[in-house]
PDB file of N, CA and C in Angstrom:
ATOM      1  N   MET A   1      31.407  83.409   2.474  1.00  0.00           N
ATOM      2  CA  MET A   1      30.193  83.510   1.677  1.00  0.00           C
ATOM      3  C   MET A   1      29.195  82.421   2.053  1.00  0.00           C
ATOM      4  N   GLN A   2      29.715  81.201   2.163  1.00  0.00           N
ATOM      5  CA  GLN A   2      28.819  80.100   2.514  1.00  0.00           C
ATOM      6  C   GLN A   2      28.307  80.242   3.937  1.00  0.00           C
ATOM      7  N   LEU A   3      29.106  80.770   4.819  1.00  0.00           N
ATOM      8  CA  LEU A   3      28.688  80.976   6.199  1.00  0.00           C
ATOM      9  C   LEU A   3      27.535  81.960   6.266  1.00  0.00           C
ATOM     10  N   GLN A   4      27.599  83.013   5.473  1.00  0.00           N
ATOM     11  CA  GLN A   4      26.532  84.010   5.428  1.00  0.00           C
ATOM     12  C   GLN A   4      25.246  83.390   4.874  1.00  0.00           C
ATOM     13  N   GLN A   5      25.365  82.578   3.827  1.00  0.00           N
ATOM     14  CA  GLN A   5      24.191  81.919   3.256  1.00  0.00           C
ATOM     15  C   GLN A   5      23.571  80.952   4.253  1.00  0.00           C
ATOM     16  N   SER A   6      24.411  80.256   4.993  1.00  0.00           N
ATOM     17  CA  SER A   6      23.926  79.309   5.981  1.00  0.00           C
ATOM     18  C   SER A   6      23.144  80.031   7.079  1.00  0.00           C
ATOM     19  N   LYS A   7      23.629  81.203   7.523  1.00  0.00           N
ATOM     20  CA  LYS A   7      22.933  81.982   8.547  1.00  0.00           C
ATOM     21  C   LYS A   7      21.602  82.498   8.013  1.00  0.00           C
ATOM     22  N   ASN A   8      21.598  82.924   6.749  1.00  0.00           N
ATOM     23  CA  ASN A   8      20.361  83.409   6.139  1.00  0.00           C
ATOM     24  C   ASN A   8      19.319  82.289   6.034  1.00  0.00           C
ATOM     25  N   VAL A   9      19.768  81.113   5.694  1.00  0.00           N
ATOM     26  CA  VAL A   9      18.857  79.970   5.595  1.00  0.00           C
ATOM     27  C   VAL A   9      18.288  79.629   6.968  1.00  0.00           C
ATOM     28  N   GLN A  10      19.127  79.662   7.986  1.00  0.00           N
ATOM     29  CA  GLN A  10      18.662  79.365   9.335  1.00  0.00           C
ATOM     30  C   GLN A  10      17.659  80.398   9.819  1.00  0.00           C
ATOM     31  N   LYS A  11      17.890  81.684   9.524  1.00  0.00           N
ATOM     32  CA  LYS A  11      16.944  82.733   9.908  1.00  0.00           C
ATOM     33  C   LYS A  11      15.608  82.539   9.197  1.00  0.00           C
ATOM     34  N   THR A  12      15.679  82.180   7.911  1.00  0.00           N
ATOM     35  CA  THR A  12      14.451  81.959   7.147  1.00  0.00           C
ATOM     36  C   THR A  12      13.667  80.790   7.720  1.00  0.00           C
ATOM     37  N   ILE A  13      14.350  79.726   8.076  1.00  0.00           N
ATOM     38  CA  ILE A  13      13.680  78.558   8.662  1.00  0.00           C
ATOM     39  C   ILE A  13      13.052  78.922   9.998  1.00  0.00           C
ATOM     40  N   GLN A  14      13.722  79.701  10.804  1.00  0.00           N
ATOM     41  CA  GLN A  14      13.170  80.116  12.086  1.00  0.00           C
ATOM     42  C   GLN A  14      11.933  80.987  11.899  1.00  0.00           C
ATOM     43  N   LYS A  15      11.963  81.875  10.928  1.00  0.00           N
ATOM     44  CA  LYS A  15      10.795  82.721  10.660  1.00  0.00           C
ATOM     45  C   LYS A  15       9.606  81.881  10.204  1.00  0.00           C
ATOM     46  N   LEU A  16       9.887  80.912   9.338  1.00  0.00           N
ATOM     47  CA  LEU A  16       8.790  80.081   8.829  1.00  0.00           C
ATOM     48  C   LEU A  16       8.209  79.196   9.917  1.00  0.00           C
ATOM     49  N   THR A  17       9.055  78.619  10.739  1.00  0.00           N
ATOM     50  CA  THR A  17       8.549  77.739  11.801  1.00  0.00           C
ATOM     51  C   THR A  17       7.821  78.527  12.876  1.00  0.00           C
ATOM     52  N   ALA A  18       8.158  79.787  13.055  1.00  0.00           N
ATOM     53  CA  ALA A  18       7.455  80.612  14.040  1.00  0.00           C
ATOM     54  C   ALA A  18       6.014  80.859  13.611  1.00  0.00           C
ATOM     55  N   ASN A  19       5.749  80.853  12.315  1.00  0.00           N
ATOM     56  CA  ASN A  19       4.403  81.101  11.808  1.00  0.00           C
ATOM     57  C   ASN A  19       3.545  79.835  11.747  1.00  0.00           C
ATOM     58  N   LEU A  20       4.156  78.684  11.968  1.00  0.00           N
ATOM     59  CA  LEU A  20       3.391  77.438  11.917  1.00  0.00           C
ATOM     60  C   LEU A  20       2.512  77.295  13.155  1.00  0.00           C
ATOM     61  N   PRO A  21       1.337  76.636  13.019  1.00  0.00           N
ATOM     62  CA  PRO A  21       0.449  76.483  14.175  1.00  0.00           C
ATOM     63  C   PRO A  21       1.065  75.623  15.277  1.00  0.00           C
ATOM     64  N   MET A  22       1.919  74.679  14.949  1.00  0.00           N
ATOM     65  CA  MET A  22       2.512  73.804  15.943  1.00  0.00           C
ATOM     66  C   MET A  22       3.914  74.264  16.292  1.00  0.00           C
ATOM     67  N   SER A  23       4.138  75.562  16.321  1.00  0.00           N
ATOM     68  CA  SER A  23       5.485  76.069  16.562  1.00  0.00           C
ATOM     69  C   SER A  23       5.959  75.794  17.980  1.00  0.00           C
ATOM     70  N   GLY A  24       5.044  75.539  18.927  1.00  0.00           N
ATOM     71  CA  GLY A  24       5.431  75.252  20.296  1.00  0.00           C
ATOM     72  C   GLY A  24       5.985  73.863  20.475  1.00  0.00           C
ATOM     73  N   ILE A  25       5.812  72.996  19.513  1.00  0.00           N
ATOM     74  CA  ILE A  25       6.296  71.617  19.615  1.00  0.00           C
ATOM     75  C   ILE A  25       7.711  71.568  19.096  1.00  0.00           C
ATOM     76  N   ASN A  26       8.605  71.090  19.923  1.00  0.00           N
ATOM     77  CA  ASN A  26       9.974  70.960  19.444  1.00  0.00           C
ATOM     78  C   ASN A  26      10.171  69.579  18.833  1.00  0.00           C
ATOM     79  N   SER A  27      11.278  69.368  18.202  1.00  0.00           N
ATOM     80  CA  SER A  27      11.511  68.126  17.475  1.00  0.00           C
ATOM     81  C   SER A  27      11.679  66.934  18.394  1.00  0.00           C
ATOM     82  N   SER A  28      11.997  67.153  19.665  1.00  0.00           N
ATOM     83  CA  SER A  28      12.220  66.026  20.571  1.00  0.00           C
ATOM     84  C   SER A  28      10.926  65.522  21.200  1.00  0.00           C
ATOM     85  N   SER A  29       9.849  66.302  21.161  1.00  0.00           N
ATOM     86  CA  SER A  29       8.600  65.851  21.785  1.00  0.00           C
ATOM     87  C   SER A  29       7.915  64.830  20.893  1.00  0.00           C
ATOM     88  N   ALA A  30       7.233  63.915  21.538  1.00  0.00           N
ATOM     89  CA  ALA A  30       6.570  62.835  20.799  1.00  0.00           C
ATOM     90  C   ALA A  30       5.291  63.354  20.171  1.00  0.00           C
ATOM     91  N   ILE A  31       5.059  62.962  18.938  1.00  0.00           N
ATOM     92  CA  ILE A  31       3.825  63.322  18.249  1.00  0.00           C
ATOM     93  C   ILE A  31       2.852  62.170  18.427  1.00  0.00           C
ATOM     94  N   SER A  32       1.684  62.471  18.963  1.00  0.00           N
ATOM     95  CA  SER A  32       0.720  61.403  19.221  1.00  0.00           C
ATOM     96  C   SER A  32      -0.007  61.036  17.936  1.00  0.00           C
ATOM     97  N   THR A  33      -0.278  59.757  17.790  1.00  0.00           N
ATOM     98  CA  THR A  33      -1.022  59.276  16.626  1.00  0.00           C
ATOM     99  C   THR A  33      -2.505  59.298  16.946  1.00  0.00           C
ATOM    100  N   PRO A  34      -3.330  59.526  15.945  1.00  0.00           N
ATOM    101  CA  PRO A  34      -4.770  59.570  16.211  1.00  0.00           C
ATOM    102  C   PRO A  34      -5.301  58.195  16.584  1.00  0.00           C
ATOM    103  N   LYS A  35      -6.291  58.179  17.421  1.00  0.00           N
ATOM    104  CA  LYS A  35      -6.933  56.930  17.831  1.00  0.00           C
ATOM    105  C   LYS A  35      -7.958  56.540  16.774  1.00  0.00           C
ATOM    106  N   ILE A  36      -7.997  55.271  16.431  1.00  0.00           N
ATOM    107  CA  ILE A  36      -8.952  54.769  15.447  1.00  0.00           C
ATOM    108  C   ILE A  36     -10.096  54.107  16.199  1.00  0.00           C
ATOM    109  N   HIS A  37     -11.302  54.586  15.962  1.00  0.00           N
ATOM    110  CA  HIS A  37     -12.494  54.030  16.599  1.00  0.00           C
ATOM    111  C   HIS A  37     -13.280  53.256  15.552  1.00  0.00           C
ATOM    112  N   THR A  38     -13.540  52.000  15.824  1.00  0.00           N
ATOM    113  CA  THR A  38     -14.285  51.155  14.901  1.00  0.00           C
ATOM    114  C   THR A  38     -15.724  51.043  15.374  1.00  0.00           C
ATOM    115  N   ALA A  39     -16.649  51.401  14.507  1.00  0.00           N
ATOM    116  CA  ALA A  39     -18.077  51.293  14.817  1.00  0.00           C
ATOM    117  C   ALA A  39     -18.687  50.245  13.897  1.00  0.00           C
ATOM    118  N   TYR A  40     -19.400  49.306  14.462  1.00  0.00           N
ATOM    119  CA  TYR A  40     -20.020  48.238  13.688  1.00  0.00           C
ATOM    120  C   TYR A  40     -21.489  48.562  13.465  1.00  0.00           C
ATOM    121  N   GLN A  41     -21.902  48.534  12.214  1.00  0.00           N
ATOM    122  CA  GLN A  41     -23.302  48.776  11.919  1.00  0.00           C
ATOM    123  C   GLN A  41     -24.111  47.500  12.162  1.00  0.00           C
ATOM    124  N   TYR A  42     -23.539  46.364  11.812  1.00  0.00           N
ATOM    125  CA  TYR A  42     -24.174  45.074  12.035  1.00  0.00           C
ATOM    126  C   TYR A  42     -23.185  44.193  12.764  1.00  0.00           C
ATOM    127  N   GLY A  43     -23.560  43.651  13.897  1.00  0.00           N
ATOM    128  CA  GLY A  43     -22.693  42.749  14.621  1.00  0.00           C
ATOM    129  C   GLY A  43     -21.662  43.495  15.448  1.00  0.00           C
ATOM    130  N   ASN A  44     -20.592  42.789  15.806  1.00  0.00           N
ATOM    131  CA  ASN A  44     -19.513  43.370  16.589  1.00  0.00           C
ATOM    132  C   ASN A  44     -18.205  42.721  16.162  1.00  0.00           C
ATOM    133  N   ALA A  45     -17.155  42.901  16.953  1.00  0.00           N
ATOM    134  CA  ALA A  45     -15.841  42.370  16.585  1.00  0.00           C
ATOM    135  C   ALA A  45     -15.832  40.845  16.563  1.00  0.00           C
ATOM    136  N   ASP A  46     -16.743  40.218  17.280  1.00  0.00           N
ATOM    137  CA  ASP A  46     -16.784  38.760  17.339  1.00  0.00           C
ATOM    138  C   ASP A  46     -17.691  38.131  16.281  1.00  0.00           C
ATOM    139  N   THR A  47     -18.306  38.950  15.433  1.00  0.00           N
ATOM    140  CA  THR A  47     -19.220  38.425  14.424  1.00  0.00           C
ATOM    141  C   THR A  47     -18.450  37.624  13.382  1.00  0.00           C
ATOM    142  N   ASN A  48     -18.959  36.451  13.064  1.00  0.00           N
ATOM    143  CA  ASN A  48     -18.328  35.576  12.081  1.00  0.00           C
ATOM    144  C   ASN A  48     -19.211  35.561  10.835  1.00  0.00           C
ATOM    145  N   PHE A  49     -18.741  36.167   9.756  1.00  0.00           N
ATOM    146  CA  PHE A  49     -19.545  36.255   8.543  1.00  0.00           C
ATOM    147  C   PHE A  49     -19.469  34.994   7.703  1.00  0.00           C
ATOM    148  N   PHE A  50     -18.637  34.016   8.101  1.00  0.00           N
ATOM    149  CA  PHE A  50     -18.537  32.788   7.348  1.00  0.00           C
ATOM    150  C   PHE A  50     -19.623  31.793   7.725  1.00  0.00           C
ATOM    151  N   ASN A  51     -20.358  32.068   8.754  1.00  0.00           N
ATOM    152  CA  ASN A  51     -21.396  31.161   9.211  1.00  0.00           C
ATOM    153  C   ASN A  51     -22.759  31.764   8.906  1.00  0.00           C
ATOM    154  N   LYS A  52     -23.033  31.992   7.635  1.00  0.00           N
ATOM    155  CA  LYS A  52     -24.256  32.670   7.224  1.00  0.00           C
ATOM    156  C   LYS A  52     -25.494  31.802   7.375  1.00  0.00           C
ATOM    157  N   ILE A  53     -25.338  30.502   7.255  1.00  0.00           N
ATOM    158  CA  ILE A  53     -26.506  29.626   7.322  1.00  0.00           C
ATOM    159  C   ILE A  53     -27.170  29.711   8.688  1.00  0.00           C
ATOM    160  N   THR A  54     -26.389  29.886   9.750  1.00  0.00           N
ATOM    161  CA  THR A  54     -26.957  30.029  11.092  1.00  0.00           C
ATOM    162  C   THR A  54     -27.773  31.303  11.186  1.00  0.00           C
ATOM    163  N   SER A  55     -27.285  32.369  10.580  1.00  0.00           N
ATOM    164  CA  SER A  55     -28.036  33.620  10.579  1.00  0.00           C
ATOM    165  C   SER A  55     -29.320  33.485   9.780  1.00  0.00           C
ATOM    166  N   LEU A  56     -29.255  32.769   8.673  1.00  0.00           N
ATOM    167  CA  LEU A  56     -30.452  32.586   7.856  1.00  0.00           C
ATOM    168  C   LEU A  56     -31.501  31.750   8.578  1.00  0.00           C
ATOM    169  N   LEU A  57     -31.057  30.794   9.373  1.00  0.00           N
ATOM    170  CA  LEU A  57     -32.008  29.951  10.091  1.00  0.00           C
ATOM    171  C   LEU A  57     -32.750  30.725  11.173  1.00  0.00           C
ATOM    172  N   ALA A  58     -32.235  31.882  11.574  1.00  0.00           N
ATOM    173  CA  ALA A  58     -32.904  32.713  12.570  1.00  0.00           C
ATOM    174  C   ALA A  58     -33.980  33.599  11.955  1.00  0.00           C
ATOM    175  N   THR A  59     -34.076  33.649  10.637  1.00  0.00           N
ATOM    176  CA  THR A  59     -35.083  34.463   9.960  1.00  0.00           C
ATOM    177  C   THR A  59     -36.402  33.711   9.905  1.00  0.00           C
ATOM    178  N   PRO A  60     -37.500  34.384   9.577  1.00  0.00           N
ATOM    179  CA  PRO A  60     -38.805  33.715   9.522  1.00  0.00           C
ATOM    180  C   PRO A  60     -39.007  32.834   8.289  1.00  0.00           C
ATOM    181  N   VAL A  61     -37.979  32.595   7.522  1.00  0.00           N
ATOM    182  CA  VAL A  61     -38.072  31.731   6.343  1.00  0.00           C
ATOM    183  C   VAL A  61     -37.945  30.282   6.795  1.00  0.00           C
ATOM    184  N   ARG A  62     -38.702  29.391   6.157  1.00  0.00           N
ATOM    185  CA  ARG A  62     -38.640  27.972   6.530  1.00  0.00           C
ATOM    186  C   ARG A  62     -37.302  27.377   6.148  1.00  0.00           C
ATOM    187  N   ARG A  63     -36.920  26.383   6.909  1.00  0.00           N
ATOM    188  CA  ARG A  63     -35.627  25.728   6.686  1.00  0.00           C
ATOM    189  C   ARG A  63     -35.573  25.098   5.304  1.00  0.00           C
ATOM    190  N   SER A  64     -36.661  24.524   4.853  1.00  0.00           N
ATOM    191  CA  SER A  64     -36.674  23.879   3.537  1.00  0.00           C
ATOM    192  C   SER A  64     -36.465  24.895   2.410  1.00  0.00           C
ATOM    193  N   GLU A  65     -36.949  26.124   2.586  1.00  0.00           N
ATOM    194  CA  GLU A  65     -36.743  27.157   1.571  1.00  0.00           C
ATOM    195  C   GLU A  65     -35.271  27.578   1.500  1.00  0.00           C
ATOM    196  N   ILE A  66     -34.619  27.658   2.653  1.00  0.00           N
ATOM    197  CA  ILE A  66     -33.201  28.023   2.681  1.00  0.00           C
ATOM    198  C   ILE A  66     -32.370  26.933   2.012  1.00  0.00           C
ATOM    199  N   VAL A  67     -32.603  25.690   2.398  1.00  0.00           N
ATOM    200  CA  VAL A  67     -31.837  24.578   1.823  1.00  0.00           C
ATOM    201  C   VAL A  67     -32.144  24.438   0.340  1.00  0.00           C
ATOM    202  N   GLY A  68     -33.392  24.610  -0.036  1.00  0.00           N
ATOM    203  CA  GLY A  68     -33.766  24.542  -1.450  1.00  0.00           C
ATOM    204  C   GLY A  68     -33.096  25.629  -2.276  1.00  0.00           C
ATOM    205  N   GLY A  69     -32.986  26.835  -1.720  1.00  0.00           N
ATOM    206  CA  GLY A  69     -32.305  27.934  -2.414  1.00  0.00           C
ATOM    207  C   GLY A  69     -30.828  27.645  -2.619  1.00  0.00           C
ATOM    208  N   TYR A  70     -30.199  27.088  -1.579  1.00  0.00           N
ATOM    209  CA  TYR A  70     -28.786  26.700  -1.725  1.00  0.00           C
ATOM    210  C   TYR A  70     -28.638  25.621  -2.787  1.00  0.00           C
ATOM    211  N   MET A  71     -29.519  24.637  -2.771  1.00  0.00           N
ATOM    212  CA  MET A  71     -29.436  23.540  -3.743  1.00  0.00           C
ATOM    213  C   MET A  71     -29.626  24.051  -5.162  1.00  0.00           C
ATOM    214  N   LEU A  72     -30.593  24.950  -5.361  1.00  0.00           N
ATOM    215  CA  LEU A  72     -30.817  25.501  -6.703  1.00  0.00           C
ATOM    216  C   LEU A  72     -29.615  26.315  -7.176  1.00  0.00           C
ATOM    217  N   GLY A  73     -29.050  27.110  -6.284  1.00  0.00           N
ATOM    218  CA  GLY A  73     -27.893  27.924  -6.659  1.00  0.00           C
ATOM    219  C   GLY A  73     -26.690  27.082  -7.028  1.00  0.00           C
ATOM    220  N   TYR A  74     -26.355  26.129  -6.157  1.00  0.00           N
ATOM    221  CA  TYR A  74     -25.197  25.280  -6.446  1.00  0.00           C
ATOM    222  C   TYR A  74     -25.475  24.340  -7.621  1.00  0.00           C
ATOM    223  N   GLY A  75     -26.711  23.914  -7.784  1.00  0.00           N
ATOM    224  CA  GLY A  75     -27.064  23.074  -8.933  1.00  0.00           C
ATOM    225  C   GLY A  75     -26.907  23.819 -10.245  1.00  0.00           C
ATOM    226  N   ALA A  76     -27.325  25.087 -10.271  1.00  0.00           N
ATOM    227  CA  ALA A  76     -27.185  25.893 -11.490  1.00  0.00           C
ATOM    228  C   ALA A  76     -25.710  26.101 -11.838  1.00  0.00           C
ATOM    229  N   VAL A  77     -24.890  26.351 -10.826  1.00  0.00           N
ATOM    230  CA  VAL A  77     -23.457  26.528 -11.067  1.00  0.00           C
ATOM    231  C   VAL A  77     -22.848  25.224 -11.585  1.00  0.00           C
ATOM    232  N   ALA A  78     -23.270  24.090 -11.035  1.00  0.00           N
ATOM    233  CA  ALA A  78     -22.740  22.796 -11.480  1.00  0.00           C
ATOM    234  C   ALA A  78     -23.117  22.514 -12.929  1.00  0.00           C
ATOM    235  N   ILE A  79     -24.333  22.865 -13.325  1.00  0.00           N
ATOM    236  CA  ILE A  79     -24.766  22.642 -14.709  1.00  0.00           C
ATOM    237  C   ILE A  79     -23.954  23.517 -15.664  1.00  0.00           C
ATOM    238  N   VAL A  80     -23.740  24.775 -15.300  1.00  0.00           N
ATOM    239  CA  VAL A  80     -22.947  25.674 -16.150  1.00  0.00           C
ATOM    240  C   VAL A  80     -21.511  25.161 -16.268  1.00  0.00           C
ATOM    241  N   GLN A  81     -20.933  24.694 -15.174  1.00  0.00           N
ATOM    242  CA  GLN A  81     -19.577  24.147 -15.226  1.00  0.00           C
ATOM    243  C   GLN A  81     -19.508  22.919 -16.118  1.00  0.00           C
ATOM    244  N   THR A  82     -20.514  22.062 -16.031  1.00  0.00           N
ATOM    245  CA  THR A  82     -20.538  20.865 -16.864  1.00  0.00           C
ATOM    246  C   THR A  82     -20.624  21.232 -18.337  1.00  0.00           C
ATOM    247  N   ILE A  83     -21.455  22.196 -18.669  1.00  0.00           N
ATOM    248  CA  ILE A  83     -21.595  22.627 -20.068  1.00  0.00           C
ATOM    249  C   ILE A  83     -20.271  23.189 -20.581  1.00  0.00           C
ATOM    250  N   VAL A  84     -19.606  23.997 -19.778  1.00  0.00           N
ATOM    251  CA  VAL A  84     -18.329  24.583 -20.202  1.00  0.00           C
ATOM    252  C   VAL A  84     -17.273  23.501 -20.407  1.00  0.00           C
ATOM    253  N   ILE A  85     -17.204  22.554 -19.479  1.00  0.00           N
ATOM    254  CA  ILE A  85     -16.198  21.496 -19.590  1.00  0.00           C
ATOM    255  C   ILE A  85     -16.457  20.609 -20.800  1.00  0.00           C
ATOM    256  N   VAL A  86     -17.712  20.229 -21.025  1.00  0.00           N
ATOM    257  CA  VAL A  86     -18.040  19.370 -22.172  1.00  0.00           C
ATOM    258  C   VAL A  86     -17.791  20.115 -23.478  1.00  0.00           C
ATOM    259  N   ALA A  87     -18.210  21.382 -23.539  1.00  0.00           N
ATOM    260  CA  ALA A  87     -18.005  22.160 -24.766  1.00  0.00           C
ATOM    261  C   ALA A  87     -16.515  22.335 -25.056  1.00  0.00           C
ATOM    262  N   THR A  88     -15.724  22.587 -24.015  1.00  0.00           N
ATOM    263  CA  THR A  88     -14.280  22.737 -24.202  1.00  0.00           C
ATOM    264  C   THR A  88     -13.650  21.431 -24.662  1.00  0.00           C
ATOM    265  N   THR A  89     -14.086  20.326 -24.059  1.00  0.00           N
ATOM    266  CA  THR A  89     -13.542  19.025 -24.440  1.00  0.00           C
ATOM    267  C   THR A  89     -13.863  18.689 -25.889  1.00  0.00           C
ATOM    268  N   LEU A  90     -15.095  18.951 -26.308  1.00  0.00           N
ATOM    269  CA  LEU A  90     -15.498  18.624 -27.678  1.00  0.00           C
ATOM    270  C   LEU A  90     -14.856  19.570 -28.695  1.00  0.00           C
ATOM    271  N   TRP A  91     -14.821  20.852 -28.389  1.00  0.00           N
ATOM    272  CA  TRP A  91     -14.357  21.827 -29.377  1.00  0.00           C
ATOM    273  C   TRP A  91     -12.834  21.951 -29.391  1.00  0.00           C
ATOM    274  N   LEU A  92     -12.245  22.159 -28.206  1.00  0.00           N
ATOM    275  CA  LEU A  92     -10.816  22.435 -28.148  1.00  0.00           C
ATOM    276  C   LEU A  92      -9.983  21.166 -28.324  1.00  0.00           C
ATOM    277  N   LEU A  93     -10.379  20.100 -27.660  1.00  0.00           N
ATOM    278  CA  LEU A  93      -9.610  18.861 -27.726  1.00  0.00           C
ATOM    279  C   LEU A  93     -10.056  17.932 -28.852  1.00  0.00           C
ATOM    280  N   LYS A  94     -11.158  18.307 -29.489  1.00  0.00           N
ATOM    281  CA  LYS A  94     -11.698  17.553 -30.632  1.00  0.00           C
ATOM    282  C   LYS A  94     -11.903  16.070 -30.285  1.00  0.00           C
ATOM    283  N   THR A  95     -12.567  15.841 -29.168  1.00  0.00           N
ATOM    284  CA  THR A  95     -12.845  14.491 -28.686  1.00  0.00           C
ATOM    285  C   THR A  95     -14.089  13.952 -29.370  1.00  0.00           C
ATOM    286  N   GLN A  96     -14.058  12.674 -29.736  1.00  0.00           N
ATOM    287  CA  GLN A  96     -15.234  12.037 -30.331  1.00  0.00           C
ATOM    288  C   GLN A  96     -16.110  11.487 -29.215  1.00  0.00           C
ATOM    289  N   VAL A  97     -17.415  11.623 -29.394  1.00  0.00           N
ATOM    290  CA  VAL A  97     -18.363  11.143 -28.401  1.00  0.00           C
ATOM    291  C   VAL A  97     -19.035   9.901 -28.944  1.00  0.00           C
ATOM    292  N   VAL A  98     -18.971   8.838 -28.170  1.00  0.00           N
ATOM    293  CA  VAL A  98     -19.660   7.604 -28.513  1.00  0.00           C
ATOM    294  C   VAL A  98     -20.886   7.533 -27.625  1.00  0.00           C
ATOM    295  N   GLY A  99     -22.042   7.664 -28.200  1.00  0.00           N
ATOM    296  CA  GLY A  99     -23.281   7.660 -27.417  1.00  0.00           C
ATOM    297  C   GLY A  99     -23.919   9.039 -27.437  1.00  0.00           C
ATOM    298  N   SER A 100     -24.818   9.243 -26.512  1.00  0.00           N
ATOM    299  CA  SER A 100     -25.592  10.469 -26.476  1.00  0.00           C
ATOM    300  C   SER A 100     -24.976  11.487 -25.484  1.00  0.00           C
ATOM    301  N   LEU A 101     -24.925  12.746 -25.889  1.00  0.00           N
ATOM    302  CA  LEU A 101     -24.463  13.800 -24.988  1.00  0.00           C
ATOM    303  C   LEU A 101     -25.450  14.047 -23.856  1.00  0.00           C
ATOM    304  N   ALA A 102     -26.720  13.690 -24.060  1.00  0.00           N
ATOM    305  CA  ALA A 102     -27.738  13.899 -23.034  1.00  0.00           C
ATOM    306  C   ALA A 102     -27.472  13.064 -21.785  1.00  0.00           C
ATOM    307  N   LEU A 103     -26.725  11.950 -21.941  1.00  0.00           N
ATOM    308  CA  LEU A 103     -26.441  11.101 -20.795  1.00  0.00           C
ATOM    309  C   LEU A 103     -25.456  11.771 -19.825  1.00  0.00           C
ATOM    310  N   ILE A 104     -24.755  12.786 -20.281  1.00  0.00           N
ATOM    311  CA  ILE A 104     -23.843  13.507 -19.395  1.00  0.00           C
ATOM    312  C   ILE A 104     -24.624  14.276 -18.329  1.00  0.00           C
ATOM    313  N   PHE A 105     -25.771  14.782 -18.729  1.00  0.00           N
ATOM    314  CA  PHE A 105     -26.568  15.565 -17.800  1.00  0.00           C
ATOM    315  C   PHE A 105     -27.537  14.670 -17.090  1.00  0.00           C
TER     316      PHE A 105
END
């Protein structure tokens, strides 16, 4: 009984594989992997995105405007960090302040 079922299963598998588009490929032949092509919209494989200041210096913007923009950005972040740290110290740790809080800034 099992032998008959095994033959029926094998016939069914052969019928199904005959209808597949890749039926000419046997199991021993190597299946090729697709090639990946990388296209760069800006730059190439050697482009270093960590050196942005050099790219900015090549633009028609003055050097002082670039440096000033960096200073304003980092200065604003530093002020926000200082406010958070002082507020956390005063509120969470309940620290007493001797003197003026304005001297921190």
